[in-house]
Amino acid sequence: MGVLQRPRPHNSLVSFLQHQGFLLLDGGLATELERYGYDLADPLWSARLLLENPEAIQQVHQDYLQAGADCLITASYQATIAGFQQRGLGRDEAIRLIHRSVTVALEVRDTFWANEGNRVGRLRPLIAASIGPYGAYLANGAEYTGAYDLDEAGLITFHRERWHILAQSGADLLACETIPSAIEANALARLVQETAEMPVWVSFSCQDGARINDGTLLTEAVRPLTDLPQVVALGINCTAPSHIPSLITHLKSVTDKPIVVYPNSGETYDAAHNCWLGIAAADDFAAASQQWFSMGARLIGGCCRTGPDHIRHIRAALMG
């Protein structure tokens, strides 16, 4: 008898990489919602608007497609059953809102694609269902430290139901984002194998040019994921742009999978005065993206404090 082969997921990225050499992600969702005047000072963060104003999320998704994004990341980063239940919602309603994060993005994408003028020189954009870390649910900053009160088994249990909901939601792939903990990466590696046909990318938040936020070397944190066929890209997000070149180099030493990078703007947050310091110009960010591409990054976008202007400039820079 032959060796039993594990099913390989349909890899939606291949067409983009063959067509234009990269996949352009969107930018910060919360950043744009705040720019539109929405107050996200809430444990649910942007997921609160799935309940109160999904049209606002639709608008931001539309803005990013018009700016040239090839992939929308859904508003499910902080949308968890436990988080919605703490707000007083029932389990069924919580599940419905998690589904809504994907249906909102799908509707925007399909409306955009129905306009033939938007198709010129482009492939149909993808929808990546966001899976934020356990720390995002805690809403206490643990996503930037990896200081958790759960072990690997507990993290598997925490993530499992939402994982399967989003894997069956109609999204093109799953985006495990801002992962700060090597233990959480181990848990995600287990869940990846439960949805054999669903492509996934995993991106870590990093404290410097070599380590994720819990202090583990990035090269060690990714090891449980590198041999899984479902994992179609590995990389970094919500990290200072200055760290990205070094982190790409480290990733290339342990994987030949496409590398995903979508750092924050490079500004720093002054917690004492509740404000951001520094200016990250969109054209400077785009120039940096050319370097990331030349080093091997193939999925490129922005995270916190980036917006449609950043994405528009990145597209122009990468298209040459």
C-alpha atoms as a PDB file:
ATOM      1  CA  MET A   1       0.000   0.000   0.000  1.00  0.00           C
ATOM      2  CA  GLY A   2       1.141   3.536  -0.718  1.00  0.00           C
ATOM      3  CA  VAL A   3       1.702   6.202   1.892  1.00  0.00           C
ATOM      4  CA  LEU A   4      -1.503   8.010   2.855  1.00  0.00           C
ATOM      5  CA  GLN A   5      -1.246  11.599   1.632  1.00  0.00           C
ATOM      6  CA  ARG A   6      -2.758  14.408   3.673  1.00  0.00           C
ATOM      7  CA  PRO A   7      -5.203  16.555   1.676  1.00  0.00           C
ATOM      8  CA  ARG A   8      -3.628  19.760   0.395  1.00  0.00           C
ATOM      9  CA  PRO A   9      -5.694  22.947   0.676  1.00  0.00           C
ATOM     10  CA  HIS A  10      -6.567  25.017  -2.363  1.00  0.00           C
ATOM     11  CA  ASN A  11      -3.933  27.747  -2.294  1.00  0.00           C
ATOM     12  CA  SER A  12      -5.608  30.996  -3.327  1.00  0.00           C
ATOM     13  CA  LEU A  13      -2.300  32.849  -3.207  1.00  0.00           C
ATOM     14  CA  VAL A  14      -0.733  31.079  -6.158  1.00  0.00           C
ATOM     15  CA  SER A  15      -2.724  32.956  -8.789  1.00  0.00           C
ATOM     16  CA  PHE A  16      -1.716  36.312  -7.333  1.00  0.00           C
ATOM     17  CA  LEU A  17       1.932  35.395  -7.005  1.00  0.00           C
ATOM     18  CA  GLN A  18       1.983  34.184 -10.599  1.00  0.00           C
ATOM     19  CA  HIS A  19       0.003  37.158 -11.927  1.00  0.00           C
ATOM     20  CA  GLN A  20       1.735  40.058 -10.184  1.00  0.00           C
ATOM     21  CA  GLY A  21       4.326  38.590  -7.830  1.00  0.00           C
ATOM     22  CA  PHE A  22       2.663  39.672  -4.590  1.00  0.00           C
ATOM     23  CA  LEU A  23      -0.627  39.816  -2.682  1.00  0.00           C
ATOM     24  CA  LEU A  24      -1.463  43.300  -1.404  1.00  0.00           C
ATOM     25  CA  LEU A  25      -3.236  43.160   1.944  1.00  0.00           C
ATOM     26  CA  ASP A  26      -5.360  45.932   3.403  1.00  0.00           C
ATOM     27  CA  GLY A  27      -4.357  48.239   6.271  1.00  0.00           C
ATOM     28  CA  GLY A  28      -5.602  48.922   9.765  1.00  0.00           C
ATOM     29  CA  LEU A  29      -9.342  48.393  10.261  1.00  0.00           C
ATOM     30  CA  ALA A  30      -9.633  50.087  13.643  1.00  0.00           C
ATOM     31  CA  THR A  31      -7.494  52.988  12.417  1.00  0.00           C
ATOM     32  CA  GLU A  32      -9.973  53.795   9.686  1.00  0.00           C
ATOM     33  CA  LEU A  33     -13.028  53.270  11.872  1.00  0.00           C
ATOM     34  CA  GLU A  34     -11.580  55.770  14.342  1.00  0.00           C
ATOM     35  CA  ARG A  35     -10.845  58.169  11.493  1.00  0.00           C
ATOM     36  CA  TYR A  36     -14.524  57.990  10.599  1.00  0.00           C
ATOM     37  CA  GLY A  37     -15.311  59.019  14.185  1.00  0.00           C
ATOM     38  CA  TYR A  38     -16.143  55.713  15.871  1.00  0.00           C
ATOM     39  CA  ASP A  39     -15.026  55.253  19.473  1.00  0.00           C
ATOM     40  CA  LEU A  40     -13.468  51.809  19.843  1.00  0.00           C
ATOM     41  CA  ALA A  41     -12.528  52.105  23.525  1.00  0.00           C
ATOM     42  CA  ASP A  42     -14.262  48.847  24.336  1.00  0.00           C
ATOM     43  CA  PRO A  43     -13.172  45.281  25.166  1.00  0.00           C
ATOM     44  CA  LEU A  44     -14.711  44.180  21.852  1.00  0.00           C
ATOM     45  CA  TRP A  45     -12.751  46.874  19.935  1.00  0.00           C
ATOM     46  CA  SER A  46     -13.783  46.920  16.267  1.00  0.00           C
ATOM     47  CA  ALA A  47     -15.929  43.793  16.748  1.00  0.00           C
ATOM     48  CA  ARG A  48     -18.433  45.967  18.631  1.00  0.00           C
ATOM     49  CA  LEU A  49     -19.471  47.454  15.295  1.00  0.00           C
ATOM     50  CA  LEU A  50     -20.458  44.018  13.993  1.00  0.00           C
ATOM     51  CA  LEU A  51     -23.280  44.378  16.501  1.00  0.00           C
ATOM     52  CA  GLU A  52     -23.970  48.104  16.328  1.00  0.00           C
ATOM     53  CA  ASN A  53     -22.964  49.346  12.876  1.00  0.00           C
ATOM     54  CA  PRO A  54     -21.761  46.761  10.343  1.00  0.00           C
ATOM     55  CA  GLU A  55     -22.197  49.364   7.605  1.00  0.00           C
ATOM     56  CA  ALA A  56     -19.166  51.189   9.006  1.00  0.00           C
ATOM     57  CA  ILE A  57     -17.049  48.071   8.528  1.00  0.00           C
ATOM     58  CA  GLN A  58     -18.423  47.738   4.999  1.00  0.00           C
ATOM     59  CA  GLN A  59     -17.279  51.260   4.214  1.00  0.00           C
ATOM     60  CA  VAL A  60     -13.720  50.618   5.374  1.00  0.00           C
ATOM     61  CA  HIS A  61     -13.536  47.376   3.394  1.00  0.00           C
ATOM     62  CA  GLN A  62     -14.726  49.275   0.329  1.00  0.00           C
ATOM     63  CA  ASP A  63     -12.113  51.987   0.867  1.00  0.00           C
ATOM     64  CA  TYR A  64      -9.338  49.398   0.891  1.00  0.00           C
ATOM     65  CA  LEU A  65     -10.528  47.703  -2.289  1.00  0.00           C
ATOM     66  CA  GLN A  66     -10.682  51.051  -4.031  1.00  0.00           C
ATOM     67  CA  ALA A  67      -7.131  51.729  -2.806  1.00  0.00           C
ATOM     68  CA  GLY A  68      -5.945  48.545  -4.530  1.00  0.00           C
ATOM     69  CA  ALA A  69      -6.009  45.873  -1.818  1.00  0.00           C
ATOM     70  CA  ASP A  70      -6.080  42.284  -3.092  1.00  0.00           C
ATOM     71  CA  CYS A  71      -7.200  40.870   0.253  1.00  0.00           C
ATOM     72  CA  LEU A  72      -9.629  42.057   2.923  1.00  0.00           C
ATOM     73  CA  ILE A  73      -9.057  40.891   6.499  1.00  0.00           C
ATOM     74  CA  THR A  74     -12.344  40.486   8.350  1.00  0.00           C
ATOM     75  CA  ALA A  75     -13.452  42.244  11.538  1.00  0.00           C
ATOM     76  CA  SER A  76     -13.287  39.017  13.563  1.00  0.00           C
ATOM     77  CA  TYR A  77      -9.904  39.690  15.228  1.00  0.00           C
ATOM     78  CA  GLN A  78     -11.539  40.411  18.584  1.00  0.00           C
ATOM     79  CA  ALA A  79     -14.850  38.676  17.863  1.00  0.00           C
ATOM     80  CA  THR A  80     -15.104  35.656  20.150  1.00  0.00           C
ATOM     81  CA  ILE A  81     -18.040  33.754  21.596  1.00  0.00           C
ATOM     82  CA  ALA A  82     -16.798  34.403  25.123  1.00  0.00           C
ATOM     83  CA  GLY A  83     -16.303  38.103  24.435  1.00  0.00           C
ATOM     84  CA  PHE A  84     -19.812  38.560  23.075  1.00  0.00           C
ATOM     85  CA  GLN A  85     -21.279  36.534  25.938  1.00  0.00           C
ATOM     86  CA  GLN A  86     -19.573  38.848  28.400  1.00  0.00           C
ATOM     87  CA  ARG A  87     -21.483  41.641  26.659  1.00  0.00           C
ATOM     88  CA  GLY A  88     -24.694  39.768  27.522  1.00  0.00           C
ATOM     89  CA  LEU A  89     -25.362  38.153  24.137  1.00  0.00           C
ATOM     90  CA  GLY A  90     -26.425  34.551  23.787  1.00  0.00           C
ATOM     91  CA  ARG A  91     -24.241  31.908  22.190  1.00  0.00           C
ATOM     92  CA  ASP A  92     -26.272  31.764  18.963  1.00  0.00           C
ATOM     93  CA  GLU A  93     -26.102  35.535  18.545  1.00  0.00           C
ATOM     94  CA  ALA A  94     -22.343  35.474  19.149  1.00  0.00           C
ATOM     95  CA  ILE A  95     -21.906  32.857  16.435  1.00  0.00           C
ATOM     96  CA  ARG A  96     -24.098  34.908  14.073  1.00  0.00           C
ATOM     97  CA  LEU A  97     -21.901  37.973  14.608  1.00  0.00           C
ATOM     98  CA  ILE A  98     -18.737  35.999  13.910  1.00  0.00           C
ATOM     99  CA  HIS A  99     -20.319  34.846  10.653  1.00  0.00           C
ATOM    100  CA  ARG A 100     -21.329  38.445   9.937  1.00  0.00           C
ATOM    101  CA  SER A 101     -17.679  39.516   9.965  1.00  0.00           C
ATOM    102  CA  VAL A 102     -17.155  37.348   6.884  1.00  0.00           C
ATOM    103  CA  THR A 103     -20.465  37.994   5.112  1.00  0.00           C
ATOM    104  CA  VAL A 104     -19.903  41.753   5.341  1.00  0.00           C
ATOM    105  CA  ALA A 105     -16.518  41.391   3.647  1.00  0.00           C
ATOM    106  CA  LEU A 106     -17.845  38.939   1.050  1.00  0.00           C
ATOM    107  CA  GLU A 107     -20.684  41.286   0.110  1.00  0.00           C
ATOM    108  CA  VAL A 108     -18.312  44.223  -0.310  1.00  0.00           C
ATOM    109  CA  ARG A 109     -15.901  42.136  -2.394  1.00  0.00           C
ATOM    110  CA  ASP A 110     -18.660  40.748  -4.612  1.00  0.00           C
ATOM    111  CA  THR A 111     -20.211  44.180  -5.186  1.00  0.00           C
ATOM    112  CA  PHE A 112     -16.798  45.601  -6.043  1.00  0.00           C
ATOM    113  CA  TRP A 113     -16.079  42.747  -8.442  1.00  0.00           C
ATOM    114  CA  ALA A 114     -19.462  43.042 -10.167  1.00  0.00           C
ATOM    115  CA  ASN A 115     -18.289  46.397 -11.581  1.00  0.00           C
ATOM    116  CA  GLU A 116     -16.316  45.488 -14.671  1.00  0.00           C
ATOM    117  CA  GLY A 117     -14.275  48.659 -14.376  1.00  0.00           C
ATOM    118  CA  ASN A 118     -12.766  47.380 -11.136  1.00  0.00           C
ATOM    119  CA  ARG A 119     -11.495  44.219 -12.815  1.00  0.00           C
ATOM    120  CA  VAL A 120      -8.996  45.879 -15.117  1.00  0.00           C
ATOM    121  CA  GLY A 121      -5.569  44.395 -14.444  1.00  0.00           C
ATOM    122  CA  ARG A 122      -6.721  42.723 -11.235  1.00  0.00           C
ATOM    123  CA  LEU A 123      -7.717  39.329  -9.915  1.00  0.00           C
ATOM    124  CA  ARG A 124     -10.791  38.897  -7.710  1.00  0.00           C
ATOM    125  CA  PRO A 125      -9.758  39.956  -4.183  1.00  0.00           C
ATOM    126  CA  LEU A 126      -9.551  37.382  -1.415  1.00  0.00           C
ATOM    127  CA  ILE A 127     -11.232  37.367   1.994  1.00  0.00           C
ATOM    128  CA  ALA A 128      -9.067  36.354   4.962  1.00  0.00           C
ATOM    129  CA  ALA A 129     -10.980  35.558   8.148  1.00  0.00           C
ATOM    130  CA  SER A 130      -9.061  37.062  11.051  1.00  0.00           C
ATOM    131  CA  ILE A 131      -8.266  34.950  14.101  1.00  0.00           C
ATOM    132  CA  GLY A 132      -6.767  37.144  16.769  1.00  0.00           C
ATOM    133  CA  PRO A 133      -4.740  35.810  19.704  1.00  0.00           C
ATOM    134  CA  TYR A 134      -6.135  34.895  23.100  1.00  0.00           C
ATOM    135  CA  GLY A 135      -4.634  38.154  24.331  1.00  0.00           C
ATOM    136  CA  ALA A 136      -7.029  40.134  22.125  1.00  0.00           C
ATOM    137  CA  TYR A 137      -9.968  38.567  23.961  1.00  0.00           C
ATOM    138  CA  LEU A 138      -8.363  39.400  27.316  1.00  0.00           C
ATOM    139  CA  ALA A 139      -8.142  43.054  26.186  1.00  0.00           C
ATOM    140  CA  ASN A 140      -5.397  43.714  28.742  1.00  0.00           C
ATOM    141  CA  GLY A 141      -2.377  44.083  26.480  1.00  0.00           C
ATOM    142  CA  ALA A 142      -1.410  40.404  26.658  1.00  0.00           C
ATOM    143  CA  GLU A 143      -1.293  40.210  22.856  1.00  0.00           C
ATOM    144  CA  TYR A 144       1.855  42.326  23.167  1.00  0.00           C
ATOM    145  CA  THR A 145       3.458  40.191  25.875  1.00  0.00           C
ATOM    146  CA  GLY A 146       2.177  36.634  25.453  1.00  0.00           C
ATOM    147  CA  ALA A 147       1.638  36.523  29.229  1.00  0.00           C
ATOM    148  CA  TYR A 148      -1.285  34.100  29.333  1.00  0.00           C
ATOM    149  CA  ASP A 149      -3.151  32.207  32.033  1.00  0.00           C
ATOM    150  CA  LEU A 150      -3.838  29.219  29.720  1.00  0.00           C
ATOM    151  CA  ASP A 151      -1.590  26.343  28.669  1.00  0.00           C
ATOM    152  CA  GLU A 152      -1.533  24.819  25.179  1.00  0.00           C
ATOM    153  CA  ALA A 153      -4.574  22.632  25.802  1.00  0.00           C
ATOM    154  CA  GLY A 154      -6.511  25.582  27.164  1.00  0.00           C
ATOM    155  CA  LEU A 155      -5.597  27.696  24.142  1.00  0.00           C
ATOM    156  CA  ILE A 156      -6.746  24.949  21.779  1.00  0.00           C
ATOM    157  CA  THR A 157     -10.088  24.851  23.568  1.00  0.00           C
ATOM    158  CA  PHE A 158     -10.384  28.635  23.505  1.00  0.00           C
ATOM    159  CA  HIS A 159      -9.726  28.922  19.766  1.00  0.00           C
ATOM    160  CA  ARG A 160     -11.383  25.742  18.479  1.00  0.00           C
ATOM    161  CA  GLU A 161     -15.036  26.733  18.043  1.00  0.00           C
ATOM    162  CA  ARG A 162     -14.328  30.088  16.400  1.00  0.00           C
ATOM    163  CA  TRP A 163     -11.676  28.409  14.237  1.00  0.00           C
ATOM    164  CA  HIS A 164     -14.209  25.948  12.802  1.00  0.00           C
ATOM    165  CA  ILE A 165     -16.893  28.624  12.401  1.00  0.00           C
ATOM    166  CA  LEU A 166     -14.559  30.787  10.340  1.00  0.00           C
ATOM    167  CA  ALA A 167     -13.114  27.844   8.407  1.00  0.00           C
ATOM    168  CA  GLN A 168     -16.644  27.059   7.210  1.00  0.00           C
ATOM    169  CA  SER A 169     -17.726  30.679   6.676  1.00  0.00           C
ATOM    170  CA  GLY A 170     -16.953  31.087   2.981  1.00  0.00           C
ATOM    171  CA  ALA A 171     -13.691  32.982   3.525  1.00  0.00           C
ATOM    172  CA  ASP A 172     -10.831  32.125   1.173  1.00  0.00           C
ATOM    173  CA  LEU A 173      -8.332  31.567   3.976  1.00  0.00           C
ATOM    174  CA  LEU A 174      -7.719  32.130   7.688  1.00  0.00           C
ATOM    175  CA  ALA A 175      -5.385  34.826   8.985  1.00  0.00           C
ATOM    176  CA  CYS A 176      -3.966  34.037  12.433  1.00  0.00           C
ATOM    177  CA  GLU A 177      -2.686  37.463  13.432  1.00  0.00           C
ATOM    178  CA  THR A 178      -0.546  39.170  16.050  1.00  0.00           C
ATOM    179  CA  ILE A 179       0.455  35.884  17.690  1.00  0.00           C
ATOM    180  CA  PRO A 180       2.717  36.782  20.644  1.00  0.00           C
ATOM    181  CA  SER A 181       3.292  33.352  22.185  1.00  0.00           C
ATOM    182  CA  ALA A 182       5.137  30.203  21.136  1.00  0.00           C
ATOM    183  CA  ILE A 183       2.658  28.128  23.152  1.00  0.00           C
ATOM    184  CA  GLU A 184      -0.184  29.696  21.178  1.00  0.00           C
ATOM    185  CA  ALA A 185       1.621  28.878  17.924  1.00  0.00           C
ATOM    186  CA  ASN A 186       1.751  25.241  19.041  1.00  0.00           C
ATOM    187  CA  ALA A 187      -1.996  25.343  19.723  1.00  0.00           C
ATOM    188  CA  LEU A 188      -2.716  26.836  16.310  1.00  0.00           C
ATOM    189  CA  ALA A 189      -0.591  24.170  14.635  1.00  0.00           C
ATOM    190  CA  ARG A 190      -2.888  21.562  16.164  1.00  0.00           C
ATOM    191  CA  LEU A 191      -6.012  23.364  14.936  1.00  0.00           C
ATOM    192  CA  VAL A 192      -4.612  23.820  11.440  1.00  0.00           C
ATOM    193  CA  GLN A 193      -4.623  20.041  11.099  1.00  0.00           C
ATOM    194  CA  GLU A 194      -8.334  19.839  11.983  1.00  0.00           C
ATOM    195  CA  THR A 195      -9.327  21.771   8.821  1.00  0.00           C
ATOM    196  CA  ALA A 196      -7.287  19.991   6.194  1.00  0.00           C
ATOM    197  CA  GLU A 197      -8.565  21.906   3.164  1.00  0.00           C
ATOM    198  CA  MET A 198      -8.456  25.446   4.595  1.00  0.00           C
ATOM    199  CA  PRO A 199      -5.365  27.547   3.787  1.00  0.00           C
ATOM    200  CA  VAL A 200      -3.992  29.569   6.687  1.00  0.00           C
ATOM    201  CA  TRP A 201      -1.365  32.217   7.243  1.00  0.00           C
ATOM    202  CA  VAL A 202       0.165  32.796  10.666  1.00  0.00           C
ATOM    203  CA  SER A 203       1.819  36.098  11.553  1.00  0.00           C
ATOM    204  CA  PHE A 204       3.580  36.942  14.802  1.00  0.00           C
ATOM    205  CA  SER A 205       3.947  40.187  16.703  1.00  0.00           C
ATOM    206  CA  CYS A 206       7.598  40.801  17.544  1.00  0.00           C
ATOM    207  CA  GLN A 207       9.433  42.847  20.152  1.00  0.00           C
ATOM    208  CA  ASP A 208      12.643  43.284  18.124  1.00  0.00           C
ATOM    209  CA  GLY A 209      14.376  41.982  15.020  1.00  0.00           C
ATOM    210  CA  ALA A 210      14.609  38.388  16.240  1.00  0.00           C
ATOM    211  CA  ARG A 211      12.027  37.589  18.962  1.00  0.00           C
ATOM    212  CA  ILE A 212       8.264  37.418  19.226  1.00  0.00           C
ATOM    213  CA  ASN A 213       6.615  39.253  22.085  1.00  0.00           C
ATOM    214  CA  ASP A 214       6.975  36.470  24.658  1.00  0.00           C
ATOM    215  CA  GLY A 215      10.746  36.463  24.050  1.00  0.00           C
ATOM    216  CA  THR A 216      10.902  33.291  21.923  1.00  0.00           C
ATOM    217  CA  LEU A 217      13.070  33.455  18.825  1.00  0.00           C
ATOM    218  CA  LEU A 218      10.861  33.799  15.758  1.00  0.00           C
ATOM    219  CA  THR A 219      12.745  30.946  14.115  1.00  0.00           C
ATOM    220  CA  GLU A 220      11.711  28.672  17.009  1.00  0.00           C
ATOM    221  CA  ALA A 221       8.133  29.918  17.218  1.00  0.00           C
ATOM    222  CA  VAL A 222       7.394  29.065  13.574  1.00  0.00           C
ATOM    223  CA  ARG A 223       8.828  25.535  13.637  1.00  0.00           C
ATOM    224  CA  PRO A 224       5.548  23.716  14.475  1.00  0.00           C
ATOM    225  CA  LEU A 225       4.003  25.382  11.406  1.00  0.00           C
ATOM    226  CA  THR A 226       6.649  25.093   8.725  1.00  0.00           C
ATOM    227  CA  ASP A 227       5.827  21.554   7.553  1.00  0.00           C
ATOM    228  CA  LEU A 228       2.039  21.901   7.522  1.00  0.00           C
ATOM    229  CA  PRO A 229       0.667  22.108   3.961  1.00  0.00           C
ATOM    230  CA  GLN A 230      -2.329  24.109   5.158  1.00  0.00           C
ATOM    231  CA  VAL A 231      -0.006  26.935   6.246  1.00  0.00           C
ATOM    232  CA  VAL A 232       0.489  28.858   3.017  1.00  0.00           C
ATOM    233  CA  ALA A 233       2.418  31.834   4.450  1.00  0.00           C
ATOM    234  CA  LEU A 234       4.300  32.775   7.612  1.00  0.00           C
ATOM    235  CA  GLY A 235       5.321  36.167   8.847  1.00  0.00           C
ATOM    236  CA  ILE A 236       4.987  39.241  11.004  1.00  0.00           C
ATOM    237  CA  ASN A 237       2.363  41.897  11.724  1.00  0.00           C
ATOM    238  CA  CYS A 238       1.702  44.655  14.264  1.00  0.00           C
ATOM    239  CA  THR A 239       5.455  45.160  14.620  1.00  0.00           C
ATOM    240  CA  ALA A 240       7.644  48.215  14.038  1.00  0.00           C
ATOM    241  CA  PRO A 241       8.702  48.545  10.379  1.00  0.00           C
ATOM    242  CA  SER A 242      12.334  48.922  11.459  1.00  0.00           C
ATOM    243  CA  HIS A 243      12.363  45.287  12.639  1.00  0.00           C
ATOM    244  CA  ILE A 244      10.931  43.808   9.445  1.00  0.00           C
ATOM    245  CA  PRO A 245      14.143  43.329   7.367  1.00  0.00           C
ATOM    246  CA  SER A 246      15.858  41.356  10.124  1.00  0.00           C
ATOM    247  CA  LEU A 247      12.741  39.277  10.776  1.00  0.00           C
ATOM    248  CA  ILE A 248      12.382  38.414   7.080  1.00  0.00           C
ATOM    249  CA  THR A 249      16.000  37.235   7.065  1.00  0.00           C
ATOM    250  CA  HIS A 250      15.364  34.997  10.073  1.00  0.00           C
ATOM    251  CA  LEU A 251      12.205  33.537   8.522  1.00  0.00           C
ATOM    252  CA  LYS A 252      13.961  32.759   5.259  1.00  0.00           C
ATOM    253  CA  SER A 253      16.485  30.690   7.195  1.00  0.00           C
ATOM    254  CA  VAL A 254      13.793  28.232   8.346  1.00  0.00           C
ATOM    255  CA  THR A 255      11.050  28.212   5.686  1.00  0.00           C
ATOM    256  CA  ASP A 256      10.542  28.501   1.957  1.00  0.00           C
ATOM    257  CA  LYS A 257       6.868  29.414   2.355  1.00  0.00           C
ATOM    258  CA  PRO A 258       5.768  32.873   1.162  1.00  0.00           C
ATOM    259  CA  ILE A 259       6.463  35.508   3.792  1.00  0.00           C
ATOM    260  CA  VAL A 260       3.716  37.835   4.987  1.00  0.00           C
ATOM    261  CA  VAL A 261       4.516  41.252   6.488  1.00  0.00           C
ATOM    262  CA  TYR A 262       2.107  43.956   7.541  1.00  0.00           C
ATOM    263  CA  PRO A 263       3.721  46.094  10.211  1.00  0.00           C
ATOM    264  CA  ASN A 264       2.247  49.037  12.027  1.00  0.00           C
ATOM    265  CA  SER A 265       3.041  52.582  10.957  1.00  0.00           C
ATOM    266  CA  GLY A 266       6.148  52.949  13.109  1.00  0.00           C
ATOM    267  CA  GLU A 267       4.561  55.498  15.397  1.00  0.00           C
ATOM    268  CA  THR A 268       4.771  54.934  19.136  1.00  0.00           C
ATOM    269  CA  TYR A 269       1.922  55.232  21.606  1.00  0.00           C
ATOM    270  CA  ASP A 270       2.301  57.580  24.576  1.00  0.00           C
ATOM    271  CA  ALA A 271       0.124  55.888  27.198  1.00  0.00           C
ATOM    272  CA  ALA A 272       0.552  58.772  29.652  1.00  0.00           C
ATOM    273  CA  HIS A 273      -1.034  61.242  27.238  1.00  0.00           C
ATOM    274  CA  ASN A 274      -3.201  58.818  25.240  1.00  0.00           C
ATOM    275  CA  CYS A 275      -1.760  59.827  21.883  1.00  0.00           C
ATOM    276  CA  TRP A 276       0.489  58.603  19.080  1.00  0.00           C
ATOM    277  CA  LEU A 277       3.912  60.167  18.540  1.00  0.00           C
ATOM    278  CA  GLY A 278       5.722  60.455  15.242  1.00  0.00           C
ATOM    279  CA  ILE A 279       4.617  60.562  11.633  1.00  0.00           C
ATOM    280  CA  ALA A 280       4.771  57.649   9.213  1.00  0.00           C
ATOM    281  CA  ALA A 281       4.270  59.028   5.689  1.00  0.00           C
ATOM    282  CA  ALA A 282       2.581  56.703   3.226  1.00  0.00           C
ATOM    283  CA  ASP A 283       5.296  57.174   0.617  1.00  0.00           C
ATOM    284  CA  ASP A 284       8.018  56.263   3.135  1.00  0.00           C
ATOM    285  CA  PHE A 285       6.064  53.151   4.103  1.00  0.00           C
ATOM    286  CA  ALA A 286       5.732  52.219   0.432  1.00  0.00           C
ATOM    287  CA  ALA A 287       9.465  52.660  -0.128  1.00  0.00           C
ATOM    288  CA  ALA A 288      10.101  50.295   2.777  1.00  0.00           C
ATOM    289  CA  SER A 289       7.693  47.788   1.235  1.00  0.00           C
ATOM    290  CA  GLN A 290       9.892  47.631  -1.861  1.00  0.00           C
ATOM    291  CA  GLN A 291      12.772  46.559   0.373  1.00  0.00           C
ATOM    292  CA  TRP A 292      10.612  43.918   2.074  1.00  0.00           C
ATOM    293  CA  PHE A 293       9.604  42.587  -1.334  1.00  0.00           C
ATOM    294  CA  SER A 294      13.189  42.481  -2.557  1.00  0.00           C
ATOM    295  CA  MET A 295      14.102  40.484   0.562  1.00  0.00           C
ATOM    296  CA  GLY A 296      11.402  37.888  -0.076  1.00  0.00           C
ATOM    297  CA  ALA A 297       8.103  39.157   1.375  1.00  0.00           C
ATOM    298  CA  ARG A 298       5.184  38.325  -0.907  1.00  0.00           C
ATOM    299  CA  LEU A 299       2.088  39.202   1.145  1.00  0.00           C
ATOM    300  CA  ILE A 300       2.450  42.856   2.099  1.00  0.00           C
ATOM    301  CA  GLY A 301       0.161  45.393   3.770  1.00  0.00           C
ATOM    302  CA  GLY A 302      -0.252  47.491   6.888  1.00  0.00           C
ATOM    303  CA  CYS A 303      -1.488  47.102  10.439  1.00  0.00           C
ATOM    304  CA  CYS A 304      -2.190  49.689  13.158  1.00  0.00           C
ATOM    305  CA  ARG A 305      -2.108  53.359  12.102  1.00  0.00           C
ATOM    306  CA  THR A 306      -1.982  52.553   8.392  1.00  0.00           C
ATOM    307  CA  GLY A 307      -4.822  53.344   6.015  1.00  0.00           C
ATOM    308  CA  PRO A 308      -5.903  53.345   2.363  1.00  0.00           C
ATOM    309  CA  ASP A 309      -3.233  55.886   1.409  1.00  0.00           C
ATOM    310  CA  HIS A 310      -0.533  53.474   2.600  1.00  0.00           C
ATOM    311  CA  ILE A 311      -2.076  50.660   0.557  1.00  0.00           C
ATOM    312  CA  ARG A 312      -2.425  52.851  -2.535  1.00  0.00           C
ATOM    313  CA  HIS A 313       1.240  53.878  -2.302  1.00  0.00           C
ATOM    314  CA  ILE A 314       2.416  50.289  -1.715  1.00  0.00           C
ATOM    315  CA  ARG A 315       0.563  49.107  -4.814  1.00  0.00           C
ATOM    316  CA  ALA A 316       2.117  51.835  -6.941  1.00  0.00           C
ATOM    317  CA  ALA A 317       5.573  51.043  -5.570  1.00  0.00           C
ATOM    318  CA  LEU A 318       5.329  47.280  -6.089  1.00  0.00           C
ATOM    319  CA  MET A 319       3.782  47.543  -9.555  1.00  0.00           C
ATOM    320  CA  GLY A 320       6.735  49.741 -10.546  1.00  0.00           C
END
